[in-house]
Amino acid sequence: MALRSDVLKLYSRIMRLARKWEATNPAETLVEREYIESEAKELFRKNKSVKGDVEIRERIREGEARVTMAEHYRNPYPRPVNLPKRSYSKQEGKKIGKAIKRMNEQSRPVYIRSTDDAVEKSS
């Protein structure tokens, strides 16, 4: 039951942020408010069937990280990810090795997980 209240608190925090959001460019305020609200609704609906405390906590952590970064940088959109050198370079026709896969997984920040899931589904 504690997880449910944590999820609801996060959702209300995001909706409150969307209502009070002021963009750095005043002309973009409405667009960014709509983005925050629609992104939150989409991700919460997508994740409503998630089971297991660990997975739910991971999603809560991602949401909190994205909110914190949006507030800090005054940018509601997910930040780009900088991967380590040679993490995606491979010779033509060769498979990516286990070490590179592990390095890519370890360097992927928590706040980008939902966008990674969306990219995997569209590919």
N, C-alpha and C. Protein backbone atom coordinates (compact mmCIF):
# COMPACT_ATOMS: atom_id res chain seq x y z
N MET A 1 0.82 -1.19 0.00
CA MET A 1 0.00 0.00 0.00
C MET A 1 0.87 1.27 0.00
N ALA A 2 2.06 1.18 0.58
CA ALA A 2 2.95 2.34 0.62
C ALA A 2 3.39 2.73 -0.79
N LEU A 3 3.58 1.73 -1.66
CA LEU A 3 3.99 2.04 -3.03
C LEU A 3 2.89 2.80 -3.77
N ARG A 4 1.66 2.42 -3.52
CA ARG A 4 0.54 3.10 -4.17
C ARG A 4 0.53 4.59 -3.80
N SER A 5 0.73 4.87 -2.53
CA SER A 5 0.74 6.28 -2.11
C SER A 5 1.94 7.01 -2.69
N ASP A 6 3.09 6.33 -2.81
CA ASP A 6 4.26 6.96 -3.43
C ASP A 6 3.99 7.29 -4.90
N VAL A 7 3.33 6.38 -5.60
CA VAL A 7 3.00 6.61 -7.01
C VAL A 7 2.04 7.79 -7.13
N LEU A 8 1.02 7.82 -6.29
CA LEU A 8 0.05 8.91 -6.33
C LEU A 8 0.68 10.25 -5.97
N LYS A 9 1.61 10.25 -5.03
CA LYS A 9 2.31 11.49 -4.67
C LYS A 9 3.15 11.99 -5.85
N LEU A 10 3.82 11.06 -6.51
CA LEU A 10 4.63 11.44 -7.67
C LEU A 10 3.75 12.01 -8.78
N TYR A 11 2.62 11.35 -9.03
CA TYR A 11 1.71 11.81 -10.08
C TYR A 11 1.19 13.22 -9.76
N SER A 12 0.78 13.44 -8.53
CA SER A 12 0.27 14.76 -8.17
C SER A 12 1.39 15.81 -8.21
N ARG A 13 2.61 15.42 -7.86
CA ARG A 13 3.74 16.35 -7.94
C ARG A 13 4.00 16.76 -9.39
N ILE A 14 3.90 15.80 -10.31
CA ILE A 14 4.13 16.10 -11.73
C ILE A 14 3.01 16.99 -12.27
N MET A 15 1.77 16.68 -11.91
CA MET A 15 0.65 17.50 -12.39
C MET A 15 0.72 18.93 -11.83
N ARG A 16 1.15 19.05 -10.58
CA ARG A 16 1.33 20.38 -9.99
C ARG A 16 2.44 21.13 -10.72
N LEU A 17 3.52 20.42 -11.04
CA LEU A 17 4.62 21.02 -11.79
C LEU A 17 4.13 21.50 -13.16
N ALA A 18 3.30 20.70 -13.81
CA ALA A 18 2.78 21.07 -15.13
C ALA A 18 1.92 22.33 -15.04
N ARG A 19 1.11 22.44 -14.01
CA ARG A 19 0.24 23.62 -13.86
C ARG A 19 1.04 24.89 -13.59
N LYS A 20 2.13 24.77 -12.84
CA LYS A 20 2.90 25.94 -12.43
C LYS A 20 4.13 26.21 -13.31
N TRP A 21 4.35 25.37 -14.32
CA TRP A 21 5.57 25.45 -15.13
C TRP A 21 5.67 26.78 -15.86
N GLU A 22 6.84 27.39 -15.78
CA GLU A 22 7.17 28.60 -16.53
C GLU A 22 8.42 28.31 -17.35
N ALA A 23 8.29 28.35 -18.66
CA ALA A 23 9.41 28.06 -19.54
C ALA A 23 10.39 29.22 -19.54
N THR A 24 11.63 28.94 -19.91
CA THR A 24 12.63 30.01 -20.01
C THR A 24 12.26 30.98 -21.13
N ASN A 25 11.62 30.46 -22.18
CA ASN A 25 11.07 31.29 -23.25
C ASN A 25 9.56 31.37 -23.02
N PRO A 26 9.04 32.52 -22.62
CA PRO A 26 7.61 32.62 -22.28
C PRO A 26 6.66 32.13 -23.38
N ALA A 27 7.08 32.21 -24.63
CA ALA A 27 6.23 31.74 -25.72
C ALA A 27 6.06 30.23 -25.72
N GLU A 28 6.96 29.51 -25.08
CA GLU A 28 6.94 28.05 -25.04
C GLU A 28 6.27 27.48 -23.79
N THR A 29 5.83 28.32 -22.88
CA THR A 29 5.27 27.85 -21.61
C THR A 29 4.11 26.89 -21.81
N LEU A 30 3.16 27.24 -22.64
CA LEU A 30 1.99 26.40 -22.85
C LEU A 30 2.37 25.06 -23.48
N VAL A 31 3.27 25.10 -24.45
CA VAL A 31 3.72 23.87 -25.11
C VAL A 31 4.39 22.94 -24.11
N GLU A 32 5.27 23.49 -23.28
CA GLU A 32 5.98 22.67 -22.30
C GLU A 32 5.04 22.15 -21.22
N ARG A 33 4.06 22.93 -20.82
CA ARG A 33 3.07 22.46 -19.84
C ARG A 33 2.30 21.27 -20.40
N GLU A 34 1.86 21.40 -21.65
CA GLU A 34 1.13 20.30 -22.28
C GLU A 34 2.01 19.06 -22.43
N TYR A 35 3.29 19.28 -22.75
CA TYR A 35 4.21 18.14 -22.87
C TYR A 35 4.35 17.41 -21.55
N ILE A 36 4.56 18.14 -20.47
CA ILE A 36 4.74 17.53 -19.15
C ILE A 36 3.50 16.69 -18.80
N GLU A 37 2.33 17.28 -18.99
CA GLU A 37 1.09 16.59 -18.64
C GLU A 37 0.85 15.36 -19.52
N SER A 38 1.02 15.49 -20.82
CA SER A 38 0.77 14.36 -21.71
C SER A 38 1.80 13.25 -21.52
N GLU A 39 3.06 13.61 -21.31
CA GLU A 39 4.11 12.61 -21.07
C GLU A 39 3.84 11.84 -19.79
N ALA A 40 3.43 12.55 -18.74
CA ALA A 40 3.13 11.89 -17.47
C ALA A 40 1.94 10.94 -17.62
N LYS A 41 0.88 11.41 -18.25
CA LYS A 41 -0.30 10.55 -18.42
C LYS A 41 0.04 9.31 -19.24
N GLU A 42 0.80 9.50 -20.30
CA GLU A 42 1.18 8.38 -21.16
C GLU A 42 2.01 7.34 -20.40
N LEU A 43 3.02 7.82 -19.67
CA LEU A 43 3.90 6.89 -18.96
C LEU A 43 3.19 6.22 -17.79
N PHE A 44 2.34 6.94 -17.08
CA PHE A 44 1.61 6.32 -15.98
C PHE A 44 0.64 5.27 -16.50
N ARG A 45 -0.02 5.54 -17.62
CA ARG A 45 -0.92 4.55 -18.21
C ARG A 45 -0.14 3.33 -18.70
N LYS A 46 1.00 3.58 -19.33
CA LYS A 46 1.82 2.49 -19.84
C LYS A 46 2.32 1.59 -18.71
N ASN A 47 2.61 2.20 -17.57
CA ASN A 47 3.19 1.44 -16.46
C ASN A 47 2.18 0.97 -15.43
N LYS A 48 0.88 1.15 -15.68
CA LYS A 48 -0.10 0.76 -14.68
C LYS A 48 -0.16 -0.74 -14.46
N SER A 49 0.31 -1.52 -15.42
CA SER A 49 0.27 -2.98 -15.28
C SER A 49 1.58 -3.56 -14.72
N VAL A 50 2.51 -2.70 -14.34
CA VAL A 50 3.79 -3.17 -13.81
C VAL A 50 3.56 -3.84 -12.46
N LYS A 51 4.12 -5.02 -12.30
CA LYS A 51 3.98 -5.78 -11.06
C LYS A 51 5.35 -5.91 -10.40
N GLY A 52 5.35 -6.08 -9.12
CA GLY A 52 6.59 -6.29 -8.38
C GLY A 52 7.12 -5.00 -7.77
N ASP A 53 7.43 -5.08 -6.50
CA ASP A 53 7.89 -3.90 -5.77
C ASP A 53 9.16 -3.30 -6.36
N VAL A 54 10.08 -4.15 -6.77
CA VAL A 54 11.36 -3.66 -7.29
C VAL A 54 11.14 -2.86 -8.57
N GLU A 55 10.34 -3.41 -9.48
CA GLU A 55 10.09 -2.73 -10.75
C GLU A 55 9.32 -1.43 -10.52
N ILE A 56 8.36 -1.42 -9.62
CA ILE A 56 7.60 -0.20 -9.33
C ILE A 56 8.51 0.86 -8.72
N ARG A 57 9.37 0.45 -7.79
CA ARG A 57 10.30 1.41 -7.19
C ARG A 57 11.24 2.00 -8.24
N GLU A 58 11.66 1.17 -9.19
CA GLU A 58 12.53 1.64 -10.27
C GLU A 58 11.83 2.71 -11.10
N ARG A 59 10.57 2.48 -11.39
CA ARG A 59 9.80 3.46 -12.17
C ARG A 59 9.58 4.76 -11.37
N ILE A 60 9.36 4.64 -10.07
CA ILE A 60 9.22 5.82 -9.22
C ILE A 60 10.53 6.60 -9.21
N ARG A 61 11.64 5.89 -9.10
CA ARG A 61 12.96 6.53 -9.11
C ARG A 61 13.19 7.29 -10.41
N GLU A 62 12.79 6.68 -11.53
CA GLU A 62 12.93 7.34 -12.82
C GLU A 62 12.10 8.62 -12.87
N GLY A 63 10.85 8.53 -12.41
CA GLY A 63 9.98 9.70 -12.41
C GLY A 63 10.53 10.82 -11.56
N GLU A 64 11.00 10.49 -10.36
CA GLU A 64 11.57 11.50 -9.48
C GLU A 64 12.82 12.13 -10.07
N ALA A 65 13.64 11.32 -10.74
CA ALA A 65 14.85 11.84 -11.37
C ALA A 65 14.50 12.81 -12.50
N ARG A 66 13.50 12.45 -13.30
CA ARG A 66 13.11 13.34 -14.40
C ARG A 66 12.53 14.65 -13.89
N VAL A 67 11.74 14.59 -12.82
CA VAL A 67 11.16 15.81 -12.24
C VAL A 67 12.28 16.70 -11.68
N THR A 68 13.19 16.10 -10.96
CA THR A 68 14.30 16.86 -10.37
C THR A 68 15.14 17.53 -11.46
N MET A 69 15.43 16.80 -12.53
CA MET A 69 16.23 17.36 -13.61
C MET A 69 15.47 18.47 -14.34
N ALA A 70 14.17 18.29 -14.53
CA ALA A 70 13.37 19.33 -15.19
C ALA A 70 13.36 20.61 -14.36
N GLU A 71 13.19 20.45 -13.06
CA GLU A 71 13.18 21.63 -12.18
C GLU A 71 14.54 22.32 -12.16
N HIS A 72 15.59 21.52 -12.11
CA HIS A 72 16.94 22.09 -12.02
C HIS A 72 17.35 22.81 -13.32
N TYR A 73 17.17 22.13 -14.45
CA TYR A 73 17.62 22.67 -15.72
C TYR A 73 16.57 23.53 -16.42
N ARG A 74 15.36 23.60 -15.87
CA ARG A 74 14.25 24.34 -16.46
C ARG A 74 13.95 23.87 -17.88
N ASN A 75 14.05 22.55 -18.07
CA ASN A 75 13.80 21.93 -19.36
C ASN A 75 13.04 20.63 -19.11
N PRO A 76 11.80 20.50 -19.56
CA PRO A 76 11.00 19.32 -19.25
C PRO A 76 11.35 18.09 -20.09
N TYR A 77 12.12 18.26 -21.14
CA TYR A 77 12.40 17.15 -22.04
C TYR A 77 13.56 16.30 -21.52
N PRO A 78 13.55 14.99 -21.81
CA PRO A 78 14.65 14.13 -21.33
C PRO A 78 15.99 14.61 -21.87
N ARG A 79 16.98 14.55 -21.02
CA ARG A 79 18.33 15.00 -21.41
C ARG A 79 19.00 13.93 -22.25
N PRO A 80 19.86 14.35 -23.18
CA PRO A 80 20.59 13.36 -23.98
C PRO A 80 21.58 12.58 -23.10
N VAL A 81 21.91 11.41 -23.55
CA VAL A 81 22.80 10.53 -22.80
C VAL A 81 24.17 10.53 -23.47
N ASN A 82 25.20 10.69 -22.68
CA ASN A 82 26.56 10.59 -23.18
C ASN A 82 27.10 9.22 -22.83
N LEU A 83 27.39 8.43 -23.85
CA LEU A 83 27.90 7.08 -23.63
C LEU A 83 29.42 7.09 -23.68
N PRO A 84 30.05 6.13 -23.03
CA PRO A 84 31.51 6.06 -23.04
C PRO A 84 32.06 5.87 -24.46
N LYS A 85 33.30 6.28 -24.66
CA LYS A 85 33.96 6.10 -25.95
C LYS A 85 33.96 4.62 -26.33
N ARG A 86 33.86 4.37 -27.61
CA ARG A 86 33.90 3.03 -28.20
C ARG A 86 32.75 2.14 -27.74
N SER A 87 31.73 2.70 -27.12
CA SER A 87 30.66 1.84 -26.62
C SER A 87 29.78 1.31 -27.75
N TYR A 88 29.69 2.05 -28.85
CA TYR A 88 28.88 1.57 -29.96
C TYR A 88 29.68 1.30 -31.22
N SER A 89 30.98 1.53 -31.17
CA SER A 89 31.75 1.28 -32.37
C SER A 89 32.00 -0.21 -32.52
N LYS A 90 31.76 -0.69 -33.70
CA LYS A 90 32.03 -2.09 -34.00
C LYS A 90 32.42 -2.19 -35.46
N GLN A 91 33.19 -3.21 -35.76
CA GLN A 91 33.60 -3.40 -37.14
C GLN A 91 32.43 -3.96 -37.93
N GLU A 92 32.42 -3.67 -39.20
CA GLU A 92 31.33 -4.11 -40.07
C GLU A 92 31.17 -5.63 -40.00
N GLY A 93 29.97 -6.08 -39.75
CA GLY A 93 29.67 -7.51 -39.75
C GLY A 93 29.96 -8.23 -38.46
N LYS A 94 30.50 -7.54 -37.45
CA LYS A 94 30.81 -8.20 -36.18
C LYS A 94 29.74 -7.90 -35.16
N LYS A 95 29.58 -8.82 -34.23
CA LYS A 95 28.60 -8.63 -33.16
C LYS A 95 29.19 -7.76 -32.06
N ILE A 96 28.31 -7.10 -31.34
CA ILE A 96 28.76 -6.32 -30.18
C ILE A 96 29.05 -7.29 -29.05
N GLY A 97 30.20 -7.16 -28.42
CA GLY A 97 30.61 -8.07 -27.38
C GLY A 97 29.88 -7.85 -26.07
N LYS A 98 30.01 -8.83 -25.18
CA LYS A 98 29.35 -8.76 -23.88
C LYS A 98 29.85 -7.59 -23.05
N ALA A 99 31.14 -7.30 -23.13
CA ALA A 99 31.71 -6.21 -22.34
C ALA A 99 31.12 -4.87 -22.77
N ILE A 100 30.96 -4.66 -24.07
CA ILE A 100 30.39 -3.40 -24.55
C ILE A 100 28.93 -3.31 -24.17
N LYS A 101 28.19 -4.41 -24.27
CA LYS A 101 26.78 -4.41 -23.86
C LYS A 101 26.65 -4.07 -22.39
N ARG A 102 27.52 -4.66 -21.57
CA ARG A 102 27.49 -4.39 -20.12
C ARG A 102 27.84 -2.92 -19.84
N MET A 103 28.84 -2.38 -20.57
CA MET A 103 29.24 -0.99 -20.38
C MET A 103 28.08 -0.06 -20.77
N ASN A 104 27.39 -0.37 -21.86
CA ASN A 104 26.26 0.45 -22.28
C ASN A 104 25.14 0.40 -21.25
N GLU A 105 24.85 -0.77 -20.72
CA GLU A 105 23.79 -0.92 -19.72
C GLU A 105 24.13 -0.16 -18.44
N GLN A 106 25.38 -0.24 -18.01
CA GLN A 106 25.79 0.43 -16.77
C GLN A 106 25.81 1.95 -16.93
N SER A 107 26.07 2.44 -18.13
CA SER A 107 26.17 3.88 -18.33
C SER A 107 24.83 4.53 -18.66
N ARG A 108 23.78 3.72 -18.81
CA ARG A 108 22.45 4.27 -19.12
C ARG A 108 21.81 4.81 -17.85
N PRO A 109 21.53 6.11 -17.79
CA PRO A 109 20.95 6.68 -16.57
C PRO A 109 19.50 6.26 -16.37
N VAL A 110 19.05 6.33 -15.14
CA VAL A 110 17.71 5.87 -14.78
C VAL A 110 16.63 6.74 -15.42
N TYR A 111 16.90 8.01 -15.62
CA TYR A 111 15.86 8.91 -16.12
C TYR A 111 15.54 8.70 -17.59
N ILE A 112 16.27 7.88 -18.28
CA ILE A 112 16.06 7.68 -19.70
C ILE A 112 15.40 6.34 -20.01
N ARG A 113 15.12 5.55 -19.01
CA ARG A 113 14.60 4.21 -19.22
C ARG A 113 13.30 4.18 -20.02
N SER A 114 12.37 5.04 -19.71
CA SER A 114 11.09 5.02 -20.42
C SER A 114 11.26 5.37 -21.90
N THR A 115 12.18 6.26 -22.21
CA THR A 115 12.41 6.58 -23.62
C THR A 115 13.13 5.45 -24.32
N ASP A 116 14.00 4.72 -23.62
CA ASP A 116 14.63 3.54 -24.20
C ASP A 116 13.60 2.48 -24.53
N ASP A 117 12.63 2.29 -23.64
CA ASP A 117 11.57 1.31 -23.88
C ASP A 117 10.77 1.70 -25.11
N ALA A 118 10.50 2.98 -25.29
CA ALA A 118 9.73 3.45 -26.45
C ALA A 118 10.51 3.22 -27.73
N VAL A 119 11.82 3.45 -27.71
CA VAL A 119 12.65 3.26 -28.90
C VAL A 119 12.71 1.80 -29.27
N GLU A 120 12.83 0.91 -28.29
CA GLU A 120 12.89 -0.52 -28.56
C GLU A 120 11.60 -1.02 -29.21
N LYS A 121 10.44 -0.50 -28.79
CA LYS A 121 9.16 -0.93 -29.34
C LYS A 121 8.97 -0.44 -30.77
N SER A 122 9.47 0.75 -31.08
CA SER A 122 9.27 1.29 -32.42
C SER A 122 10.24 0.69 -33.44
N SER A 123 11.33 0.10 -32.98
CA SER A 123 12.31 -0.48 -33.92
C SER A 123 11.87 -1.82 -34.43
